[in-house]
PDB file of N, CA and C in Angstrom:
ATOM      1  N   MET A   1     116.010  99.790 125.238  1.00  0.00           N
ATOM      2  CA  MET A   1     114.599 100.027 125.145  1.00  0.00           C
ATOM      3  C   MET A   1     114.236 101.187 126.056  1.00  0.00           C
ATOM      4  N   ILE A   2     113.380 102.053 125.539  1.00  0.00           N
ATOM      5  CA  ILE A   2     112.899 103.197 126.305  1.00  0.00           C
ATOM      6  C   ILE A   2     111.376 103.152 126.277  1.00  0.00           C
ATOM      7  N   ASP A   3     110.769 103.036 127.425  1.00  0.00           N
ATOM      8  CA  ASP A   3     109.320 103.011 127.525  1.00  0.00           C
ATOM      9  C   ASP A   3     108.835 104.440 127.732  1.00  0.00           C
ATOM     10  N   LEU A   4     108.147 104.986 126.745  1.00  0.00           N
ATOM     11  CA  LEU A   4     107.658 106.357 126.850  1.00  0.00           C
ATOM     12  C   LEU A   4     106.309 106.448 127.554  1.00  0.00           C
ATOM     13  N   GLY A   5     105.689 105.313 127.814  1.00  0.00           N
ATOM     14  CA  GLY A   5     104.421 105.334 128.532  1.00  0.00           C
ATOM     15  C   GLY A   5     103.233 105.407 127.598  1.00  0.00           C
ATOM     16  N   VAL A   6     102.168 106.024 128.064  1.00  0.00           N
ATOM     17  CA  VAL A   6     100.915 106.099 127.304  1.00  0.00           C
ATOM     18  C   VAL A   6     100.614 107.543 126.920  1.00  0.00           C
ATOM     19  N   ASP A   7      99.767 107.696 125.920  1.00  0.00           N
ATOM     20  CA  ASP A   7      99.335 109.026 125.455  1.00  0.00           C
ATOM     21  C   ASP A   7     100.513 109.935 125.135  1.00  0.00           C
ATOM     22  N   VAL A   8     101.469 109.403 124.398  1.00  0.00           N
ATOM     23  CA  VAL A   8     102.679 110.146 124.040  1.00  0.00           C
ATOM     24  C   VAL A   8     102.499 110.730 122.643  1.00  0.00           C
ATOM     25  N   PRO A   9     102.681 112.039 122.482  1.00  0.00           N
ATOM     26  CA  PRO A   9     102.542 112.635 121.155  1.00  0.00           C
ATOM     27  C   PRO A   9     103.636 112.139 120.200  1.00  0.00           C
ATOM     28  N   ALA A  10     103.314 112.114 118.925  1.00  0.00           N
ATOM     29  CA  ALA A  10     104.257 111.646 117.901  1.00  0.00           C
ATOM     30  C   ALA A  10     105.581 112.406 117.974  1.00  0.00           C
ATOM     31  N   GLU A  11     105.507 113.687 118.228  1.00  0.00           N
ATOM     32  CA  GLU A  11     106.717 114.517 118.281  1.00  0.00           C
ATOM     33  C   GLU A  11     107.672 114.054 119.378  1.00  0.00           C
ATOM     34  N   LYS A  12     107.120 113.550 120.470  1.00  0.00           N
ATOM     35  CA  LYS A  12     107.954 113.056 121.572  1.00  0.00           C
ATOM     36  C   LYS A  12     108.709 111.804 121.136  1.00  0.00           C
ATOM     37  N   PHE A  13     108.055 110.915 120.387  1.00  0.00           N
ATOM     38  CA  PHE A  13     108.745 109.740 119.863  1.00  0.00           C
ATOM     39  C   PHE A  13     109.934 110.166 119.013  1.00  0.00           C
ATOM     40  N   VAL A  14     109.715 111.129 118.129  1.00  0.00           N
ATOM     41  CA  VAL A  14     110.789 111.604 117.252  1.00  0.00           C
ATOM     42  C   VAL A  14     111.909 112.222 118.076  1.00  0.00           C
ATOM     43  N   GLU A  15     111.555 113.060 119.028  1.00  0.00           N
ATOM     44  CA  GLU A  15     112.542 113.729 119.885  1.00  0.00           C
ATOM     45  C   GLU A  15     113.411 112.711 120.636  1.00  0.00           C
ATOM     46  N   VAL A  16     112.784 111.749 121.276  1.00  0.00           N
ATOM     47  CA  VAL A  16     113.520 110.761 122.060  1.00  0.00           C
ATOM     48  C   VAL A  16     114.341 109.842 121.156  1.00  0.00           C
ATOM     49  N   ALA A  17     113.807 109.490 120.009  1.00  0.00           N
ATOM     50  CA  ALA A  17     114.559 108.656 119.068  1.00  0.00           C
ATOM     51  C   ALA A  17     115.829 109.374 118.613  1.00  0.00           C
ATOM     52  N   LYS A  18     115.723 110.661 118.319  1.00  0.00           N
ATOM     53  CA  LYS A  18     116.901 111.449 117.912  1.00  0.00           C
ATOM     54  C   LYS A  18     117.906 111.557 119.056  1.00  0.00           C
ATOM     55  N   GLU A  19     117.424 111.861 120.259  1.00  0.00           N
ATOM     56  CA  GLU A  19     118.301 112.008 121.427  1.00  0.00           C
ATOM     57  C   GLU A  19     119.096 110.741 121.717  1.00  0.00           C
ATOM     58  N   ASN A  20     118.518 109.586 121.385  1.00  0.00           N
ATOM     59  CA  ASN A  20     119.144 108.313 121.707  1.00  0.00           C
ATOM     60  C   ASN A  20     119.750 107.610 120.496  1.00  0.00           C
ATOM     61  N   ASN A  21     119.866 108.335 119.395  1.00  0.00           N
ATOM     62  CA  ASN A  21     120.461 107.794 118.171  1.00  0.00           C
ATOM     63  C   ASN A  21     119.831 106.470 117.760  1.00  0.00           C
ATOM     64  N   ALA A  22     118.526 106.398 117.867  1.00  0.00           N
ATOM     65  CA  ALA A  22     117.803 105.181 117.502  1.00  0.00           C
ATOM     66  C   ALA A  22     117.904 104.926 116.004  1.00  0.00           C
ATOM     67  N   VAL A  23     117.861 103.678 115.661  1.00  0.00           N
ATOM     68  CA  VAL A  23     117.809 103.273 114.264  1.00  0.00           C
ATOM     69  C   VAL A  23     116.415 102.748 113.962  1.00  0.00           C
ATOM     70  N   ILE A  24     115.872 101.984 114.888  1.00  0.00           N
ATOM     71  CA  ILE A  24     114.543 101.404 114.754  1.00  0.00           C
ATOM     72  C   ILE A  24     113.693 101.816 115.957  1.00  0.00           C
ATOM     73  N   VAL A  25     112.433 102.162 115.674  1.00  0.00           N
ATOM     74  CA  VAL A  25     111.490 102.475 116.738  1.00  0.00           C
ATOM     75  C   VAL A  25     110.318 101.499 116.608  1.00  0.00           C
ATOM     76  N   ALA A  26     109.983 100.852 117.702  1.00  0.00           N
ATOM     77  CA  ALA A  26     108.848  99.934 117.737  1.00  0.00           C
ATOM     78  C   ALA A  26     107.748 100.542 118.596  1.00  0.00           C
ATOM     79  N   ALA A  27     106.526 100.414 118.121  1.00  0.00           N
ATOM     80  CA  ALA A  27     105.386 100.952 118.868  1.00  0.00           C
ATOM     81  C   ALA A  27     104.251  99.940 118.834  1.00  0.00           C
ATOM     82  N   SER A  28     103.508  99.904 119.927  1.00  0.00           N
ATOM     83  CA  SER A  28     102.425  98.942 120.054  1.00  0.00           C
ATOM     84  C   SER A  28     101.120  99.656 120.359  1.00  0.00           C
ATOM     85  N   GLY A  29     100.069  99.215 119.674  1.00  0.00           N
ATOM     86  CA  GLY A  29      98.731  99.700 119.966  1.00  0.00           C
ATOM     87  C   GLY A  29      97.941  98.560 120.567  1.00  0.00           C
ATOM     88  N   LEU A  30      97.369  98.768 121.732  1.00  0.00           N
ATOM     89  CA  LEU A  30      96.660  97.677 122.396  1.00  0.00           C
ATOM     90  C   LEU A  30      95.144  97.740 122.253  1.00  0.00           C
ATOM     91  N   LEU A  31      94.631  98.862 121.795  1.00  0.00           N
ATOM     92  CA  LEU A  31      93.190  99.026 121.582  1.00  0.00           C
ATOM     93  C   LEU A  31      92.972  99.666 120.214  1.00  0.00           C
ATOM     94  N   THR A  32      91.831  99.416 119.612  1.00  0.00           N
ATOM     95  CA  THR A  32      91.557 100.031 118.312  1.00  0.00           C
ATOM     96  C   THR A  32      91.546 101.556 118.407  1.00  0.00           C
ATOM     97  N   THR A  33      91.224 102.087 119.570  1.00  0.00           N
ATOM     98  CA  THR A  33      91.193 103.544 119.738  1.00  0.00           C
ATOM     99  C   THR A  33      92.588 104.170 119.664  1.00  0.00           C
ATOM    100  N   THR A  34      93.627 103.357 119.806  1.00  0.00           N
ATOM    101  CA  THR A  34      94.997 103.881 119.728  1.00  0.00           C
ATOM    102  C   THR A  34      95.540 103.887 118.306  1.00  0.00           C
ATOM    103  N   MET A  35      94.841 103.261 117.390  1.00  0.00           N
ATOM    104  CA  MET A  35      95.370 103.106 116.036  1.00  0.00           C
ATOM    105  C   MET A  35      95.572 104.425 115.285  1.00  0.00           C
ATOM    106  N   PRO A  36      94.700 105.430 115.401  1.00  0.00           N
ATOM    107  CA  PRO A  36      94.982 106.711 114.735  1.00  0.00           C
ATOM    108  C   PRO A  36      96.276 107.357 115.245  1.00  0.00           C
ATOM    109  N   ALA A  37      96.526 107.274 116.547  1.00  0.00           N
ATOM    110  CA  ALA A  37      97.768 107.836 117.094  1.00  0.00           C
ATOM    111  C   ALA A  37      98.975 107.032 116.627  1.00  0.00           C
ATOM    112  N   LEU A  38      98.803 105.723 116.489  1.00  0.00           N
ATOM    113  CA  LEU A  38      99.887 104.881 115.980  1.00  0.00           C
ATOM    114  C   LEU A  38     100.237 105.299 114.553  1.00  0.00           C
ATOM    115  N   LYS A  39      99.229 105.618 113.767  1.00  0.00           N
ATOM    116  CA  LYS A  39      99.459 106.082 112.394  1.00  0.00           C
ATOM    117  C   LYS A  39     100.221 107.398 112.400  1.00  0.00           C
ATOM    118  N   GLN A  40      99.784 108.356 113.205  1.00  0.00           N
ATOM    119  CA  GLN A  40     100.466 109.656 113.282  1.00  0.00           C
ATOM    120  C   GLN A  40     101.920 109.478 113.703  1.00  0.00           C
ATOM    121  N   THR A  41     102.142 108.618 114.667  1.00  0.00           N
ATOM    122  CA  THR A  41     103.496 108.381 115.174  1.00  0.00           C
ATOM    123  C   THR A  41     104.360 107.724 114.113  1.00  0.00           C
ATOM    124  N   SER A  42     103.826 106.728 113.443  1.00  0.00           N
ATOM    125  CA  SER A  42     104.580 106.040 112.400  1.00  0.00           C
ATOM    126  C   SER A  42     104.975 107.013 111.292  1.00  0.00           C
ATOM    127  N   LEU A  43     104.023 107.811 110.840  1.00  0.00           N
ATOM    128  CA  LEU A  43     104.312 108.760 109.766  1.00  0.00           C
ATOM    129  C   LEU A  43     105.335 109.811 110.193  1.00  0.00           C
ATOM    130  N   ALA A  44     105.240 110.303 111.420  1.00  0.00           N
ATOM    131  CA  ALA A  44     106.207 111.297 111.915  1.00  0.00           C
ATOM    132  C   ALA A  44     107.606 110.699 112.001  1.00  0.00           C
ATOM    133  N   LEU A  45     107.694 109.470 112.497  1.00  0.00           N
ATOM    134  CA  LEU A  45     109.002 108.809 112.593  1.00  0.00           C
ATOM    135  C   LEU A  45     109.589 108.540 111.217  1.00  0.00           C
ATOM    136  N   LYS A  46     108.762 108.084 110.279  1.00  0.00           N
ATOM    137  CA  LYS A  46     109.233 107.828 108.922  1.00  0.00           C
ATOM    138  C   LYS A  46     109.739 109.120 108.294  1.00  0.00           C
ATOM    139  N   GLU A  47     108.996 110.212 108.487  1.00  0.00           N
ATOM    140  CA  GLU A  47     109.393 111.512 107.943  1.00  0.00           C
ATOM    141  C   GLU A  47     110.732 111.957 108.513  1.00  0.00           C
ATOM    142  N   ALA A  48     110.988 111.593 109.759  1.00  0.00           N
ATOM    143  CA  ALA A  48     112.252 111.950 110.414  1.00  0.00           C
ATOM    144  C   ALA A  48     113.381 110.981 110.058  1.00  0.00           C
ATOM    145  N   GLY A  49     113.074 109.943 109.279  1.00  0.00           N
ATOM    146  CA  GLY A  49     114.117 109.048 108.803  1.00  0.00           C
ATOM    147  C   GLY A  49     114.320 107.769 109.591  1.00  0.00           C
ATOM    148  N   PHE A  50     113.401 107.442 110.489  1.00  0.00           N
ATOM    149  CA  PHE A  50     113.544 106.240 111.303  1.00  0.00           C
ATOM    150  C   PHE A  50     112.846 105.038 110.673  1.00  0.00           C
ATOM    151  N   THR A  51     113.340 103.861 110.989  1.00  0.00           N
ATOM    152  CA  THR A  51     112.692 102.613 110.632  1.00  0.00           C
ATOM    153  C   THR A  51     111.673 102.311 111.728  1.00  0.00           C
ATOM    154  N   VAL A  52     110.469 101.898 111.322  1.00  0.00           N
ATOM    155  CA  VAL A  52     109.370 101.726 112.273  1.00  0.00           C
ATOM    156  C   VAL A  52     108.796 100.312 112.188  1.00  0.00           C
ATOM    157  N   ILE A  53     108.619  99.704 113.359  1.00  0.00           N
ATOM    158  CA  ILE A  53     107.933  98.424 113.490  1.00  0.00           C
ATOM    159  C   ILE A  53     106.724  98.659 114.385  1.00  0.00           C
ATOM    160  N   VAL A  54     105.568  98.151 113.968  1.00  0.00           N
ATOM    161  CA  VAL A  54     104.363  98.291 114.781  1.00  0.00           C
ATOM    162  C   VAL A  54     103.744  96.927 115.048  1.00  0.00           C
ATOM    163  N   GLY A  55     102.959  96.872 116.104  1.00  0.00           N
ATOM    164  CA  GLY A  55     102.261  95.649 116.460  1.00  0.00           C
ATOM    165  C   GLY A  55     101.237  95.941 117.529  1.00  0.00           C
ATOM    166  N   GLY A  56     100.706  94.890 118.111  1.00  0.00           N
ATOM    167  CA  GLY A  56      99.703  95.025 119.147  1.00  0.00           C
ATOM    168  C   GLY A  56      98.438  94.292 118.749  1.00  0.00           C
ATOM    169  N   ALA A  57      97.557  94.091 119.689  1.00  0.00           N
ATOM    170  CA  ALA A  57      96.369  93.270 119.494  1.00  0.00           C
ATOM    171  C   ALA A  57      95.539  93.645 118.265  1.00  0.00           C
ATOM    172  N   PRO A  58      95.198  94.924 118.036  1.00  0.00           N
ATOM    173  CA  PRO A  58      94.343  95.225 116.888  1.00  0.00           C
ATOM    174  C   PRO A  58      95.106  95.452 115.581  1.00  0.00           C
ATOM    175  N   VAL A  59      96.416  95.456 115.642  1.00  0.00           N
ATOM    176  CA  VAL A  59      97.236  95.799 114.480  1.00  0.00           C
ATOM    177  C   VAL A  59      97.448  94.559 113.608  1.00  0.00           C
ATOM    178  N   THR A  60      97.319  94.752 112.310  1.00  0.00           N
ATOM    179  CA  THR A  60      97.522  93.678 111.340  1.00  0.00           C
ATOM    180  C   THR A  60      98.672  94.061 110.406  1.00  0.00           C
ATOM    181  N   PRO A  61      99.207  93.097 109.677  1.00  0.00           N
ATOM    182  CA  PRO A  61     100.230  93.438 108.679  1.00  0.00           C
ATOM    183  C   PRO A  61      99.700  94.440 107.641  1.00  0.00           C
ATOM    184  N   GLU A  62      98.435  94.325 107.305  1.00  0.00           N
ATOM    185  CA  GLU A  62      97.841  95.242 106.332  1.00  0.00           C
ATOM    186  C   GLU A  62      97.789  96.670 106.887  1.00  0.00           C
ATOM    187  N   TYR A  63      97.437  96.794 108.162  1.00  0.00           N
ATOM    188  CA  TYR A  63      97.402  98.124 108.766  1.00  0.00           C
ATOM    189  C   TYR A  63      98.816  98.695 108.862  1.00  0.00           C
ATOM    190  N   ALA A  64      99.777  97.862 109.189  1.00  0.00           N
ATOM    191  CA  ALA A  64     101.173  98.321 109.244  1.00  0.00           C
ATOM    192  C   ALA A  64     101.595  98.891 107.894  1.00  0.00           C
ATOM    193  N   ALA A  65     101.240  98.221 106.823  1.00  0.00           N
ATOM    194  CA  ALA A  65     101.570  98.712 105.479  1.00  0.00           C
ATOM    195  C   ALA A  65     100.827 100.012 105.182  1.00  0.00           C
ATOM    196  N   GLU A  66      99.573 100.076 105.595  1.00  0.00           N
ATOM    197  CA  GLU A  66      98.756 101.270 105.361  1.00  0.00           C
ATOM    198  C   GLU A  66      99.357 102.511 106.021  1.00  0.00           C
ATOM    199  N   ILE A  67      99.937 102.338 107.197  1.00  0.00           N
ATOM    200  CA  ILE A  67     100.496 103.490 107.912  1.00  0.00           C
ATOM    201  C   ILE A  67     101.984 103.672 107.627  1.00  0.00           C
ATOM    202  N   LYS A  68     102.466 102.974 106.612  1.00  0.00           N
ATOM    203  CA  LYS A  68     103.846 103.125 106.115  1.00  0.00           C
ATOM    204  C   LYS A  68     104.914 102.623 107.075  1.00  0.00           C
ATOM    205  N   ALA A  69     104.550 101.753 108.004  1.00  0.00           N
ATOM    206  CA  ALA A  69     105.563 101.154 108.885  1.00  0.00           C
ATOM    207  C   ALA A  69     106.444 100.237 108.046  1.00  0.00           C
ATOM    208  N   ASP A  70     107.674 100.062 108.482  1.00  0.00           N
ATOM    209  CA  ASP A  70     108.609  99.194 107.761  1.00  0.00           C
ATOM    210  C   ASP A  70     108.389  97.731 108.093  1.00  0.00           C
ATOM    211  N   GLY A  71     107.750  97.473 109.219  1.00  0.00           N
ATOM    212  CA  GLY A  71     107.538  96.096 109.607  1.00  0.00           C
ATOM    213  C   GLY A  71     106.403  95.962 110.590  1.00  0.00           C
ATOM    214  N   TYR A  72     105.923  94.722 110.688  1.00  0.00           N
ATOM    215  CA  TYR A  72     104.851  94.360 111.616  1.00  0.00           C
ATOM    216  C   TYR A  72     105.359  93.197 112.453  1.00  0.00           C
ATOM    217  N   ALA A  73     104.993  93.194 113.716  1.00  0.00           N
ATOM    218  CA  ALA A  73     105.312  92.071 114.595  1.00  0.00           C
ATOM    219  C   ALA A  73     104.135  91.856 115.542  1.00  0.00           C
ATOM    220  N   PRO A  74     103.686  90.612 115.677  1.00  0.00           N
ATOM    221  CA  PRO A  74     102.540  90.347 116.549  1.00  0.00           C
ATOM    222  C   PRO A  74     102.879  90.366 118.036  1.00  0.00           C
ATOM    223  N   ASP A  75     104.182  90.295 118.369  1.00  0.00           N
ATOM    224  CA  ASP A  75     104.590  90.293 119.777  1.00  0.00           C
ATOM    225  C   ASP A  75     106.044  90.766 119.865  1.00  0.00           C
ATOM    226  N   ALA A  76     106.503  90.974 121.090  1.00  0.00           N
ATOM    227  CA  ALA A  76     107.851  91.527 121.306  1.00  0.00           C
ATOM    228  C   ALA A  76     108.950  90.631 120.744  1.00  0.00           C
ATOM    229  N   GLY A  77     108.826  89.331 120.925  1.00  0.00           N
ATOM    230  CA  GLY A  77     109.835  88.417 120.404  1.00  0.00           C
ATOM    231  C   GLY A  77     109.939  88.496 118.895  1.00  0.00           C
ATOM    232  N   SER A  78     108.806  88.570 118.229  1.00  0.00           N
ATOM    233  CA  SER A  78     108.794  88.701 116.771  1.00  0.00           C
ATOM    234  C   SER A  78     109.355  90.051 116.329  1.00  0.00           C
ATOM    235  N   ALA A  79     109.173  91.078 117.148  1.00  0.00           N
ATOM    236  CA  ALA A  79     109.710  92.396 116.821  1.00  0.00           C
ATOM    237  C   ALA A  79     111.234  92.367 116.789  1.00  0.00           C
ATOM    238  N   VAL A  80     111.834  91.601 117.682  1.00  0.00           N
ATOM    239  CA  VAL A  80     113.301  91.463 117.678  1.00  0.00           C
ATOM    240  C   VAL A  80     113.753  90.818 116.377  1.00  0.00           C
ATOM    241  N   THR A  81     113.067  89.760 115.976  1.00  0.00           N
ATOM    242  CA  THR A  81     113.405  89.079 114.728  1.00  0.00           C
ATOM    243  C   THR A  81     113.245  90.024 113.544  1.00  0.00           C
ATOM    244  N   LYS A  82     112.144  90.766 113.505  1.00  0.00           N
ATOM    245  CA  LYS A  82     111.896  91.710 112.422  1.00  0.00           C
ATOM    246  C   LYS A  82     112.951  92.812 112.411  1.00  0.00           C
ATOM    247  N   ALA A  83     113.335  93.303 113.571  1.00  0.00           N
ATOM    248  CA  ALA A  83     114.368  94.345 113.640  1.00  0.00           C
ATOM    249  C   ALA A  83     115.679  93.835 113.072  1.00  0.00           C
ATOM    250  N   LYS A  84     116.048  92.615 113.402  1.00  0.00           N
ATOM    251  CA  LYS A  84     117.288  92.029 112.866  1.00  0.00           C
ATOM    252  C   LYS A  84     117.209  91.914 111.341  1.00  0.00           C
ATOM    253  N   GLU A  85     116.043  91.516 110.827  1.00  0.00           N
ATOM    254  CA  GLU A  85     115.855  91.432 109.376  1.00  0.00           C
ATOM    255  C   GLU A  85     116.020  92.806 108.729  1.00  0.00           C
ATOM    256  N   LEU A  86     115.428  93.813 109.323  1.00  0.00           N
ATOM    257  CA  LEU A  86     115.479  95.156 108.758  1.00  0.00           C
ATOM    258  C   LEU A  86     116.875  95.762 108.805  1.00  0.00           C
ATOM    259  N   ILE A  87     117.632  95.434 109.847  1.00  0.00           N
ATOM    260  CA  ILE A  87     118.997  95.951 109.949  1.00  0.00           C
ATOM    261  C   ILE A  87     119.888  95.334 108.870  1.00  0.00           C
ATOM    262  N   LYS A  88     119.656  94.053 108.559  1.00  0.00           N
ATOM    263  CA  LYS A  88     120.445  93.368 107.540  1.00  0.00           C
ATOM    264  C   LYS A  88     120.091  93.816 106.139  1.00  0.00           C
ATOM    265  N   ALA A  89     118.865  94.304 105.941  1.00  0.00           N
ATOM    266  CA  ALA A  89     118.386  94.677 104.603  1.00  0.00           C
ATOM    267  C   ALA A  89     119.101  95.877 104.039  1.00  0.00           C
TER     268      ALA A  89
END
């Protein structure tokens, strides 16, 4: 796990994911104001070929689908389960 912190541009997620040979990238939005950036990040990662899981307090499964994420998880433990499902798929 790599914590990139807050206010990280989508391009940085892609750069770090490539540098670390990531297969899945998980991102969390904790406020509704972060949701547009979560969308930009998800789309950039998908365009770069990564599998994306999103979650966080304001995020719903419907929003995850809207932003083209591969999966939704309401919490970190569920994200692990979802990642395992996606790797097997």
